[in-house]
Amino acid sequence: MINVSQNMVKVIHGANDDLFAVAGTTVATIQNHLADAFNIPIEAFAWVNGKLVGEEFILCGNDILEFIFPEGVKGAIPKQN
């Protein structure tokens, strides 16, 4: 029997966070599945347990996966021609 808590990964992007039973899955797979629900941009960087990782990184139970988009233009006024 698989211990569910050992298979859980905490996924965070901005104000969104939740636990998912996805240990053994790549970062790219999680990003693709949660892109709409968590509003994760394709350009976001993935950090696991505080370390920058690539999209093929395989998640382990109890990992914390955070997607961070380093740049923003919050409140910018669009350039007018």
PDB file of N, CA and C in Angstrom:
ATOM      1  N   MET A   1       0.846  -1.187   0.000  1.00  0.00           N
ATOM      2  CA  MET A   1       0.000   0.000   0.000  1.00  0.00           C
ATOM      3  C   MET A   1       0.885   1.242   0.000  1.00  0.00           C
ATOM      4  N   ILE A   2       0.537   2.227  -0.842  1.00  0.00           N
ATOM      5  CA  ILE A   2       1.286   3.477  -0.937  1.00  0.00           C
ATOM      6  C   ILE A   2       0.791   4.436   0.130  1.00  0.00           C
ATOM      7  N   ASN A   3       1.736   5.028   0.846  1.00  0.00           N
ATOM      8  CA  ASN A   3       1.401   6.046   1.825  1.00  0.00           C
ATOM      9  C   ASN A   3       1.145   7.347   1.071  1.00  0.00           C
ATOM     10  N   VAL A   4      -0.088   7.827   1.104  1.00  0.00           N
ATOM     11  CA  VAL A   4      -0.479   9.006   0.327  1.00  0.00           C
ATOM     12  C   VAL A   4       0.369  10.214   0.694  1.00  0.00           C
ATOM     13  N   SER A   5       0.675  10.420   1.963  1.00  0.00           N
ATOM     14  CA  SER A   5       1.437  11.597   2.368  1.00  0.00           C
ATOM     15  C   SER A   5       2.841  11.586   1.780  1.00  0.00           C
ATOM     16  N   GLN A   6       3.410  10.405   1.522  1.00  0.00           N
ATOM     17  CA  GLN A   6       4.747  10.316   0.935  1.00  0.00           C
ATOM     18  C   GLN A   6       4.710  10.582  -0.565  1.00  0.00           C
ATOM     19  N   ASN A   7       3.546  10.604  -1.160  1.00  0.00           N
ATOM     20  CA  ASN A   7       3.385  10.838  -2.584  1.00  0.00           C
ATOM     21  C   ASN A   7       2.972  12.285  -2.872  1.00  0.00           C
ATOM     22  N   MET A   8       2.780  13.089  -1.822  1.00  0.00           N
ATOM     23  CA  MET A   8       2.260  14.436  -1.977  1.00  0.00           C
ATOM     24  C   MET A   8       3.363  15.456  -2.269  1.00  0.00           C
ATOM     25  N   VAL A   9       3.039  16.397  -3.157  1.00  0.00           N
ATOM     26  CA  VAL A   9       3.920  17.510  -3.502  1.00  0.00           C
ATOM     27  C   VAL A   9       3.098  18.781  -3.359  1.00  0.00           C
ATOM     28  N   LYS A  10       3.655  19.775  -2.686  1.00  0.00           N
ATOM     29  CA  LYS A  10       2.977  21.071  -2.575  1.00  0.00           C
ATOM     30  C   LYS A  10       3.374  21.899  -3.787  1.00  0.00           C
ATOM     31  N   VAL A  11       2.379  22.408  -4.515  1.00  0.00           N
ATOM     32  CA  VAL A  11       2.615  23.221  -5.709  1.00  0.00           C
ATOM     33  C   VAL A  11       2.111  24.632  -5.423  1.00  0.00           C
ATOM     34  N   ILE A  12       2.978  25.610  -5.731  1.00  0.00           N
ATOM     35  CA  ILE A  12       2.667  27.007  -5.443  1.00  0.00           C
ATOM     36  C   ILE A  12       2.917  27.853  -6.691  1.00  0.00           C
ATOM     37  N   HIS A  13       1.994  28.753  -6.958  1.00  0.00           N
ATOM     38  CA  HIS A  13       2.213  29.821  -7.934  1.00  0.00           C
ATOM     39  C   HIS A  13       1.385  31.015  -7.492  1.00  0.00           C
ATOM     40  N   GLY A  14       2.068  32.077  -7.095  1.00  0.00           N
ATOM     41  CA  GLY A  14       1.371  33.266  -6.601  1.00  0.00           C
ATOM     42  C   GLY A  14       0.514  32.923  -5.401  1.00  0.00           C
ATOM     43  N   ALA A  15      -0.753  33.305  -5.456  1.00  0.00           N
ATOM     44  CA  ALA A  15      -1.680  33.041  -4.355  1.00  0.00           C
ATOM     45  C   ALA A  15      -2.227  31.620  -4.387  1.00  0.00           C
ATOM     46  N   ASN A  16      -1.935  30.875  -5.437  1.00  0.00           N
ATOM     47  CA  ASN A  16      -2.436  29.507  -5.574  1.00  0.00           C
ATOM     48  C   ASN A  16      -1.469  28.511  -4.944  1.00  0.00           C
ATOM     49  N   ASP A  17      -1.986  27.624  -4.136  1.00  0.00           N
ATOM     50  CA  ASP A  17      -1.176  26.514  -3.624  1.00  0.00           C
ATOM     51  C   ASP A  17      -2.091  25.375  -3.212  1.00  0.00           C
ATOM     52  N   ASP A  18      -1.569  24.167  -3.389  1.00  0.00           N
ATOM     53  CA  ASP A  18      -2.340  22.978  -3.019  1.00  0.00           C
ATOM     54  C   ASP A  18      -1.392  21.790  -2.980  1.00  0.00           C
ATOM     55  N   LEU A  19      -1.866  20.705  -2.409  1.00  0.00           N
ATOM     56  CA  LEU A  19      -1.113  19.453  -2.358  1.00  0.00           C
ATOM     57  C   LEU A  19      -1.659  18.506  -3.414  1.00  0.00           C
ATOM     58  N   PHE A  20      -0.742  17.853  -4.127  1.00  0.00           N
ATOM     59  CA  PHE A  20      -1.125  16.906  -5.162  1.00  0.00           C
ATOM     60  C   PHE A  20      -0.311  15.629  -5.009  1.00  0.00           C
ATOM     61  N   ALA A  21      -0.919  14.480  -5.280  1.00  0.00           N
ATOM     62  CA  ALA A  21      -0.230  13.185  -5.231  1.00  0.00           C
ATOM     63  C   ALA A  21       0.470  12.961  -6.565  1.00  0.00           C
ATOM     64  N   VAL A  22       1.619  13.617  -6.755  1.00  0.00           N
ATOM     65  CA  VAL A  22       2.288  13.599  -8.051  1.00  0.00           C
ATOM     66  C   VAL A  22       3.775  13.248  -7.965  1.00  0.00           C
ATOM     67  N   ALA A  23       4.221  12.671  -6.863  1.00  0.00           N
ATOM     68  CA  ALA A  23       5.626  12.269  -6.773  1.00  0.00           C
ATOM     69  C   ALA A  23       5.935  11.310  -7.917  1.00  0.00           C
ATOM     70  N   GLY A  24       7.126  11.469  -8.516  1.00  0.00           N
ATOM     71  CA  GLY A  24       7.508  10.649  -9.655  1.00  0.00           C
ATOM     72  C   GLY A  24       7.172  11.300 -10.987  1.00  0.00           C
ATOM     73  N   THR A  25       6.548  12.472 -10.948  1.00  0.00           N
ATOM     74  CA  THR A  25       6.148  13.209 -12.144  1.00  0.00           C
ATOM     75  C   THR A  25       7.159  14.314 -12.413  1.00  0.00           C
ATOM     76  N   THR A  26       7.315  14.709 -13.678  1.00  0.00           N
ATOM     77  CA  THR A  26       8.240  15.793 -14.005  1.00  0.00           C
ATOM     78  C   THR A  26       7.589  17.154 -13.751  1.00  0.00           C
ATOM     79  N   VAL A  27       8.441  18.145 -13.576  1.00  0.00           N
ATOM     80  CA  VAL A  27       7.984  19.520 -13.403  1.00  0.00           C
ATOM     81  C   VAL A  27       7.172  19.961 -14.622  1.00  0.00           C
ATOM     82  N   ALA A  28       7.625  19.610 -15.825  1.00  0.00           N
ATOM     83  CA  ALA A  28       6.922  20.001 -17.057  1.00  0.00           C
ATOM     84  C   ALA A  28       5.498  19.460 -17.078  1.00  0.00           C
ATOM     85  N   THR A  29       5.311  18.239 -16.637  1.00  0.00           N
ATOM     86  CA  THR A  29       3.981  17.637 -16.612  1.00  0.00           C
ATOM     87  C   THR A  29       3.058  18.404 -15.669  1.00  0.00           C
ATOM     88  N   ILE A  30       3.562  18.740 -14.503  1.00  0.00           N
ATOM     89  CA  ILE A  30       2.758  19.492 -13.533  1.00  0.00           C
ATOM     90  C   ILE A  30       2.427  20.875 -14.081  1.00  0.00           C
ATOM     91  N   GLN A  31       3.420  21.530 -14.680  1.00  0.00           N
ATOM     92  CA  GLN A  31       3.186  22.858 -15.239  1.00  0.00           C
ATOM     93  C   GLN A  31       2.123  22.813 -16.329  1.00  0.00           C
ATOM     94  N   ASN A  32       2.190  21.805 -17.186  1.00  0.00           N
ATOM     95  CA  ASN A  32       1.189  21.672 -18.250  1.00  0.00           C
ATOM     96  C   ASN A  32      -0.210  21.433 -17.699  1.00  0.00           C
ATOM     97  N   HIS A  33      -0.319  20.573 -16.684  1.00  0.00           N
ATOM     98  CA  HIS A  33      -1.634  20.246 -16.130  1.00  0.00           C
ATOM     99  C   HIS A  33      -2.258  21.400 -15.326  1.00  0.00           C
ATOM    100  N   LEU A  34      -1.406  22.213 -14.697  1.00  0.00           N
ATOM    101  CA  LEU A  34      -1.928  23.285 -13.844  1.00  0.00           C
ATOM    102  C   LEU A  34      -1.833  24.672 -14.478  1.00  0.00           C
ATOM    103  N   ALA A  35      -1.419  24.751 -15.735  1.00  0.00           N
ATOM    104  CA  ALA A  35      -1.216  26.045 -16.393  1.00  0.00           C
ATOM    105  C   ALA A  35      -2.454  26.936 -16.307  1.00  0.00           C
ATOM    106  N   ASP A  36      -3.610  26.394 -16.587  1.00  0.00           N
ATOM    107  CA  ASP A  36      -4.843  27.196 -16.547  1.00  0.00           C
ATOM    108  C   ASP A  36      -5.346  27.411 -15.129  1.00  0.00           C
ATOM    109  N   ALA A  37      -5.418  26.357 -14.359  1.00  0.00           N
ATOM    110  CA  ALA A  37      -5.973  26.445 -13.005  1.00  0.00           C
ATOM    111  C   ALA A  37      -5.147  27.358 -12.090  1.00  0.00           C
ATOM    112  N   PHE A  38      -3.813  27.292 -12.230  1.00  0.00           N
ATOM    113  CA  PHE A  38      -2.929  28.097 -11.380  1.00  0.00           C
ATOM    114  C   PHE A  38      -2.396  29.319 -12.115  1.00  0.00           C
ATOM    115  N   ASN A  39      -2.822  29.508 -13.384  1.00  0.00           N
ATOM    116  CA  ASN A  39      -2.378  30.648 -14.192  1.00  0.00           C
ATOM    117  C   ASN A  39      -0.853  30.718 -14.270  1.00  0.00           C
ATOM    118  N   ILE A  40      -0.218  29.593 -14.593  1.00  0.00           N
ATOM    119  CA  ILE A  40       1.242  29.505 -14.653  1.00  0.00           C
ATOM    120  C   ILE A  40       1.695  29.825 -16.077  1.00  0.00           C
ATOM    121  N   PRO A  41       2.458  30.913 -16.253  1.00  0.00           N
ATOM    122  CA  PRO A  41       2.945  31.229 -17.597  1.00  0.00           C
ATOM    123  C   PRO A  41       4.010  30.226 -18.035  1.00  0.00           C
ATOM    124  N   ILE A  42       4.095  30.014 -19.326  1.00  0.00           N
ATOM    125  CA  ILE A  42       5.058  29.052 -19.859  1.00  0.00           C
ATOM    126  C   ILE A  42       6.495  29.480 -19.554  1.00  0.00           C
ATOM    127  N   GLU A  43       6.711  30.777 -19.362  1.00  0.00           N
ATOM    128  CA  GLU A  43       8.043  31.305 -19.096  1.00  0.00           C
ATOM    129  C   GLU A  43       8.445  31.215 -17.619  1.00  0.00           C
ATOM    130  N   ALA A  44       7.562  30.722 -16.769  1.00  0.00           N
ATOM    131  CA  ALA A  44       7.847  30.653 -15.336  1.00  0.00           C
ATOM    132  C   ALA A  44       9.000  29.692 -15.055  1.00  0.00           C
ATOM    133  N   PHE A  45       9.796  30.042 -14.057  1.00  0.00           N
ATOM    134  CA  PHE A  45      10.881  29.184 -13.600  1.00  0.00           C
ATOM    135  C   PHE A  45      10.361  28.282 -12.486  1.00  0.00           C
ATOM    136  N   ALA A  46      10.870  27.058 -12.435  1.00  0.00           N
ATOM    137  CA  ALA A  46      10.455  26.104 -11.404  1.00  0.00           C
ATOM    138  C   ALA A  46      11.537  26.010 -10.331  1.00  0.00           C
ATOM    139  N   TRP A  47      11.110  26.067  -9.099  1.00  0.00           N
ATOM    140  CA  TRP A  47      11.997  25.926  -7.947  1.00  0.00           C
ATOM    141  C   TRP A  47      11.458  24.766  -7.111  1.00  0.00           C
ATOM    142  N   VAL A  48      12.323  23.850  -6.747  1.00  0.00           N
ATOM    143  CA  VAL A  48      11.931  22.742  -5.876  1.00  0.00           C
ATOM    144  C   VAL A  48      12.770  22.819  -4.611  1.00  0.00           C
ATOM    145  N   ASN A  49      12.088  22.934  -3.508  1.00  0.00           N
ATOM    146  CA  ASN A  49      12.742  23.031  -2.202  1.00  0.00           C
ATOM    147  C   ASN A  49      13.796  24.136  -2.184  1.00  0.00           C
ATOM    148  N   GLY A  50      13.476  25.260  -2.845  1.00  0.00           N
ATOM    149  CA  GLY A  50      14.355  26.419  -2.831  1.00  0.00           C
ATOM    150  C   GLY A  50      15.477  26.413  -3.846  1.00  0.00           C
ATOM    151  N   LYS A  51      15.499  25.426  -4.744  1.00  0.00           N
ATOM    152  CA  LYS A  51      16.553  25.340  -5.758  1.00  0.00           C
ATOM    153  C   LYS A  51      15.933  25.374  -7.151  1.00  0.00           C
ATOM    154  N   LEU A  52      16.542  26.148  -8.047  1.00  0.00           N
ATOM    155  CA  LEU A  52      16.093  26.225  -9.424  1.00  0.00           C
ATOM    156  C   LEU A  52      16.306  24.875 -10.100  1.00  0.00           C
ATOM    157  N   VAL A  53      15.272  24.364 -10.783  1.00  0.00           N
ATOM    158  CA  VAL A  53      15.364  23.065 -11.456  1.00  0.00           C
ATOM    159  C   VAL A  53      14.863  23.189 -12.891  1.00  0.00           C
ATOM    160  N   GLY A  54      15.195  22.216 -13.707  1.00  0.00           N
ATOM    161  CA  GLY A  54      14.734  22.177 -15.085  1.00  0.00           C
ATOM    162  C   GLY A  54      13.390  21.481 -15.194  1.00  0.00           C
ATOM    163  N   GLU A  55      12.836  21.543 -16.396  1.00  0.00           N
ATOM    164  CA  GLU A  55      11.491  20.993 -16.607  1.00  0.00           C
ATOM    165  C   GLU A  55      11.445  19.474 -16.532  1.00  0.00           C
ATOM    166  N   GLU A  56      12.575  18.802 -16.689  1.00  0.00           N
ATOM    167  CA  GLU A  56      12.597  17.341 -16.622  1.00  0.00           C
ATOM    168  C   GLU A  56      12.909  16.811 -15.215  1.00  0.00           C
ATOM    169  N   PHE A  57      13.000  17.719 -14.237  1.00  0.00           N
ATOM    170  CA  PHE A  57      13.239  17.319 -12.853  1.00  0.00           C
ATOM    171  C   PHE A  57      12.081  16.456 -12.376  1.00  0.00           C
ATOM    172  N   ILE A  58      12.389  15.343 -11.732  1.00  0.00           N
ATOM    173  CA  ILE A  58      11.362  14.426 -11.234  1.00  0.00           C
ATOM    174  C   ILE A  58      11.110  14.715  -9.759  1.00  0.00           C
ATOM    175  N   LEU A  59       9.861  14.950  -9.445  1.00  0.00           N
ATOM    176  CA  LEU A  59       9.459  15.315  -8.086  1.00  0.00           C
ATOM    177  C   LEU A  59       9.418  14.106  -7.159  1.00  0.00           C
ATOM    178  N   CYS A  60       9.757  14.350  -5.907  1.00  0.00           N
ATOM    179  CA  CYS A  60       9.698  13.326  -4.854  1.00  0.00           C
ATOM    180  C   CYS A  60       8.623  13.721  -3.849  1.00  0.00           C
ATOM    181  N   GLY A  61       8.184  12.761  -3.069  1.00  0.00           N
ATOM    182  CA  GLY A  61       7.204  13.040  -2.028  1.00  0.00           C
ATOM    183  C   GLY A  61       7.725  14.077  -1.060  1.00  0.00           C
ATOM    184  N   ASN A  62       6.853  14.946  -0.591  1.00  0.00           N
ATOM    185  CA  ASN A  62       7.144  16.024   0.346  1.00  0.00           C
ATOM    186  C   ASN A  62       7.935  17.176  -0.263  1.00  0.00           C
ATOM    187  N   ASP A  63       8.137  17.184  -1.593  1.00  0.00           N
ATOM    188  CA  ASP A  63       8.775  18.320  -2.254  1.00  0.00           C
ATOM    189  C   ASP A  63       7.827  19.509  -2.247  1.00  0.00           C
ATOM    190  N   ILE A  64       8.413  20.694  -2.365  1.00  0.00           N
ATOM    191  CA  ILE A  64       7.637  21.921  -2.558  1.00  0.00           C
ATOM    192  C   ILE A  64       8.065  22.485  -3.898  1.00  0.00           C
ATOM    193  N   LEU A  65       7.142  22.516  -4.845  1.00  0.00           N
ATOM    194  CA  LEU A  65       7.375  23.018  -6.191  1.00  0.00           C
ATOM    195  C   LEU A  65       6.738  24.397  -6.300  1.00  0.00           C
ATOM    196  N   GLU A  66       7.556  25.381  -6.641  1.00  0.00           N
ATOM    197  CA  GLU A  66       7.045  26.741  -6.774  1.00  0.00           C
ATOM    198  C   GLU A  66       7.391  27.272  -8.159  1.00  0.00           C
ATOM    199  N   PHE A  67       6.398  27.822  -8.831  1.00  0.00           N
ATOM    200  CA  PHE A  67       6.605  28.444 -10.133  1.00  0.00           C
ATOM    201  C   PHE A  67       6.689  29.947  -9.929  1.00  0.00           C
ATOM    202  N   ILE A  68       7.775  30.523 -10.458  1.00  0.00           N
ATOM    203  CA  ILE A  68       8.010  31.957 -10.276  1.00  0.00           C
ATOM    204  C   ILE A  68       8.236  32.600 -11.637  1.00  0.00           C
ATOM    205  N   PHE A  69       7.496  33.659 -11.884  1.00  0.00           N
ATOM    206  CA  PHE A  69       7.674  34.455 -13.096  1.00  0.00           C
ATOM    207  C   PHE A  69       8.413  35.713 -12.647  1.00  0.00           C
ATOM    208  N   PRO A  70       9.688  35.865 -13.037  1.00  0.00           N
ATOM    209  CA  PRO A  70      10.532  36.903 -12.450  1.00  0.00           C
ATOM    210  C   PRO A  70      10.223  38.332 -12.860  1.00  0.00           C
ATOM    211  N   GLU A  71       9.567  38.535 -13.983  1.00  0.00           N
ATOM    212  CA  GLU A  71       9.327  39.894 -14.448  1.00  0.00           C
ATOM    213  C   GLU A  71       7.846  40.171 -14.558  1.00  0.00           C
ATOM    214  N   GLY A  72       7.514  41.399 -14.335  1.00  0.00           N
ATOM    215  CA  GLY A  72       6.130  41.786 -14.492  1.00  0.00           C
ATOM    216  C   GLY A  72       6.034  43.251 -14.854  1.00  0.00           C
ATOM    217  N   VAL A  73       4.906  43.629 -15.351  1.00  0.00           N
ATOM    218  CA  VAL A  73       4.683  45.018 -15.711  1.00  0.00           C
ATOM    219  C   VAL A  73       3.344  45.410 -15.108  1.00  0.00           C
ATOM    220  N   LYS A  74       3.240  45.230 -13.809  1.00  0.00           N
ATOM    221  CA  LYS A  74       1.994  45.475 -13.113  1.00  0.00           C
ATOM    222  C   LYS A  74       1.592  46.951 -13.215  1.00  0.00           C
ATOM    223  N   GLY A  75       0.399  47.183 -13.669  1.00  0.00           N
ATOM    224  CA  GLY A  75      -0.122  48.533 -13.746  1.00  0.00           C
ATOM    225  C   GLY A  75       0.469  49.379 -14.852  1.00  0.00           C
ATOM    226  N   ALA A  76       1.162  48.750 -15.777  1.00  0.00           N
ATOM    227  CA  ALA A  76       1.767  49.509 -16.870  1.00  0.00           C
ATOM    228  C   ALA A  76       0.697  50.040 -17.810  1.00  0.00           C
ATOM    229  N   ILE A  77       0.959  51.172 -18.348  1.00  0.00           N
ATOM    230  CA  ILE A  77       0.045  51.757 -19.328  1.00  0.00           C
ATOM    231  C   ILE A  77       0.535  51.367 -20.706  1.00  0.00           C
ATOM    232  N   PRO A  78      -0.342  50.784 -21.528  1.00  0.00           N
ATOM    233  CA  PRO A  78       0.079  50.367 -22.866  1.00  0.00           C
ATOM    234  C   PRO A  78       0.586  51.542 -23.691  1.00  0.00           C
ATOM    235  N   LYS A  79       1.623  51.281 -24.482  1.00  0.00           N
ATOM    236  CA  LYS A  79       2.190  52.307 -25.349  1.00  0.00           C
ATOM    237  C   LYS A  79       1.200  52.617 -26.457  1.00  0.00           C
ATOM    238  N   GLN A  80       0.960  53.881 -26.681  1.00  0.00           N
ATOM    239  CA  GLN A  80       0.029  54.288 -27.726  1.00  0.00           C
ATOM    240  C   GLN A  80       0.795  54.824 -28.917  1.00  0.00           C
ATOM    241  N   ASN A  81       0.353  54.474 -30.105  1.00  0.00           N
ATOM    242  CA  ASN A  81       1.017  54.936 -31.344  1.00  0.00           C
ATOM    243  C   ASN A  81       0.521  56.276 -31.781  1.00  0.00           C
TER     244      ASN A  81
END
